[in-house]
Amino acid sequence: MKNYMDVREVSEGIGVSTSSAYKIIRKLNDELKEKGYLTVAGKVPAKYFQERWYGFEKEGGRHESTKRS
């Protein structure tokens, strides 16, 4: 897996327009900046995207999907 996802990968991966993908990336990067991380415009760390979008949580060294009610 790549470390970063670009706008095309986000757009195709979740089936949204390029402009929507840019908005999602911008929001996630803003969250990371608030936590003190450096970000790259137009890209988002793949691991962070998956955690925030799909709801994965790290448990015991592996990722598990969380159930949403």
C-alpha atoms as a PDB file:
ATOM      1  CA  MET A   1       0.000   0.000   0.000  1.00  0.00           C
ATOM      2  CA  LYS A   2       1.154   3.525  -0.774  1.00  0.00           C
ATOM      3  CA  ASN A   3       1.762   5.948   2.085  1.00  0.00           C
ATOM      4  CA  TYR A   4      -0.316   8.742   0.528  1.00  0.00           C
ATOM      5  CA  MET A   5      -3.485   8.891  -1.542  1.00  0.00           C
ATOM      6  CA  ASP A   6      -3.955  11.651  -4.105  1.00  0.00           C
ATOM      7  CA  VAL A   7      -7.216  13.218  -5.213  1.00  0.00           C
ATOM      8  CA  ARG A   8      -7.713  10.742  -8.072  1.00  0.00           C
ATOM      9  CA  GLU A   9      -7.339   7.752  -5.747  1.00  0.00           C
ATOM     10  CA  VAL A  10      -9.738   9.205  -3.174  1.00  0.00           C
ATOM     11  CA  SER A  11     -12.242  10.130  -5.892  1.00  0.00           C
ATOM     12  CA  GLU A  12     -12.185   6.702  -7.551  1.00  0.00           C
ATOM     13  CA  GLY A  13     -11.946   4.801  -4.274  1.00  0.00           C
ATOM     14  CA  ILE A  14     -15.132   6.209  -2.763  1.00  0.00           C
ATOM     15  CA  GLY A  15     -16.973   7.195  -5.936  1.00  0.00           C
ATOM     16  CA  VAL A  16     -17.111  10.972  -5.577  1.00  0.00           C
ATOM     17  CA  SER A  17     -16.232  13.852  -7.877  1.00  0.00           C
ATOM     18  CA  THR A  18     -12.754  15.340  -7.938  1.00  0.00           C
ATOM     19  CA  SER A  19     -13.980  18.502  -6.232  1.00  0.00           C
ATOM     20  CA  SER A  20     -15.570  16.454  -3.433  1.00  0.00           C
ATOM     21  CA  ALA A  21     -12.363  14.461  -3.038  1.00  0.00           C
ATOM     22  CA  TYR A  22     -10.390  17.714  -2.686  1.00  0.00           C
ATOM     23  CA  LYS A  23     -12.792  18.848   0.059  1.00  0.00           C
ATOM     24  CA  ILE A  24     -12.397  15.559   1.911  1.00  0.00           C
ATOM     25  CA  ILE A  25      -8.599  15.692   1.644  1.00  0.00           C
ATOM     26  CA  ARG A  26      -8.591  19.309   2.825  1.00  0.00           C
ATOM     27  CA  LYS A  27     -10.725  18.437   5.866  1.00  0.00           C
ATOM     28  CA  LEU A  28      -8.566  15.470   6.810  1.00  0.00           C
ATOM     29  CA  ASN A  29      -5.392  17.511   6.386  1.00  0.00           C
ATOM     30  CA  ASP A  30      -6.871  20.269   8.588  1.00  0.00           C
ATOM     31  CA  GLU A  31      -7.515  17.639  11.284  1.00  0.00           C
ATOM     32  CA  LEU A  32      -3.919  16.464  11.020  1.00  0.00           C
ATOM     33  CA  LYS A  33      -2.600  20.049  11.219  1.00  0.00           C
ATOM     34  CA  GLU A  34      -4.605  20.599  14.407  1.00  0.00           C
ATOM     35  CA  LYS A  35      -2.850  17.552  15.856  1.00  0.00           C
ATOM     36  CA  GLY A  36       0.534  19.047  14.935  1.00  0.00           C
ATOM     37  CA  TYR A  37       1.345  16.970  11.853  1.00  0.00           C
ATOM     38  CA  LEU A  38       2.799  18.285   8.618  1.00  0.00           C
ATOM     39  CA  THR A  39       0.602  17.765   5.557  1.00  0.00           C
ATOM     40  CA  VAL A  40       0.961  17.696   1.782  1.00  0.00           C
ATOM     41  CA  ALA A  41      -1.597  19.669  -0.246  1.00  0.00           C
ATOM     42  CA  GLY A  42      -3.759  17.433  -2.440  1.00  0.00           C
ATOM     43  CA  LYS A  43      -2.684  14.235  -0.680  1.00  0.00           C
ATOM     44  CA  VAL A  44      -3.666  12.481   2.533  1.00  0.00           C
ATOM     45  CA  PRO A  45      -1.932   9.663   4.399  1.00  0.00           C
ATOM     46  CA  ALA A  46      -3.607   6.439   3.262  1.00  0.00           C
ATOM     47  CA  LYS A  47      -3.738   5.019   6.776  1.00  0.00           C
ATOM     48  CA  TYR A  48      -5.419   8.149   8.180  1.00  0.00           C
ATOM     49  CA  PHE A  49      -7.926   8.229   5.318  1.00  0.00           C
ATOM     50  CA  GLN A  50      -8.894   4.602   5.962  1.00  0.00           C
ATOM     51  CA  GLU A  51      -9.227   5.166   9.712  1.00  0.00           C
ATOM     52  CA  ARG A  52     -11.462   8.218   9.264  1.00  0.00           C
ATOM     53  CA  TRP A  53     -13.508   7.094   6.257  1.00  0.00           C
ATOM     54  CA  TYR A  54     -14.018   3.401   6.952  1.00  0.00           C
ATOM     55  CA  GLY A  55     -13.849   3.504  10.756  1.00  0.00           C
ATOM     56  CA  PHE A  56     -10.872   1.228  11.295  1.00  0.00           C
ATOM     57  CA  GLU A  57      -9.290   1.191  14.732  1.00  0.00           C
ATOM     58  CA  LYS A  58      -5.973  -0.334  15.603  1.00  0.00           C
ATOM     59  CA  GLU A  59      -6.379  -3.231  18.016  1.00  0.00           C
ATOM     60  CA  GLY A  60      -3.567  -5.582  18.931  1.00  0.00           C
ATOM     61  CA  GLY A  61      -1.392  -4.516  16.019  1.00  0.00           C
ATOM     62  CA  ARG A  62      -4.014  -5.004  13.326  1.00  0.00           C
ATOM     63  CA  HIS A  63      -6.901  -3.020  11.990  1.00  0.00           C
ATOM     64  CA  GLU A  64     -10.424  -4.043  12.787  1.00  0.00           C
ATOM     65  CA  SER A  65     -13.595  -2.619  11.308  1.00  0.00           C
ATOM     66  CA  THR A  66     -15.831  -0.969  13.880  1.00  0.00           C
ATOM     67  CA  LYS A  67     -19.574  -1.547  13.782  1.00  0.00           C
ATOM     68  CA  ARG A  68     -21.765   1.520  13.561  1.00  0.00           C
ATOM     69  CA  SER A  69     -25.285   1.512  14.917  1.00  0.00           C
END
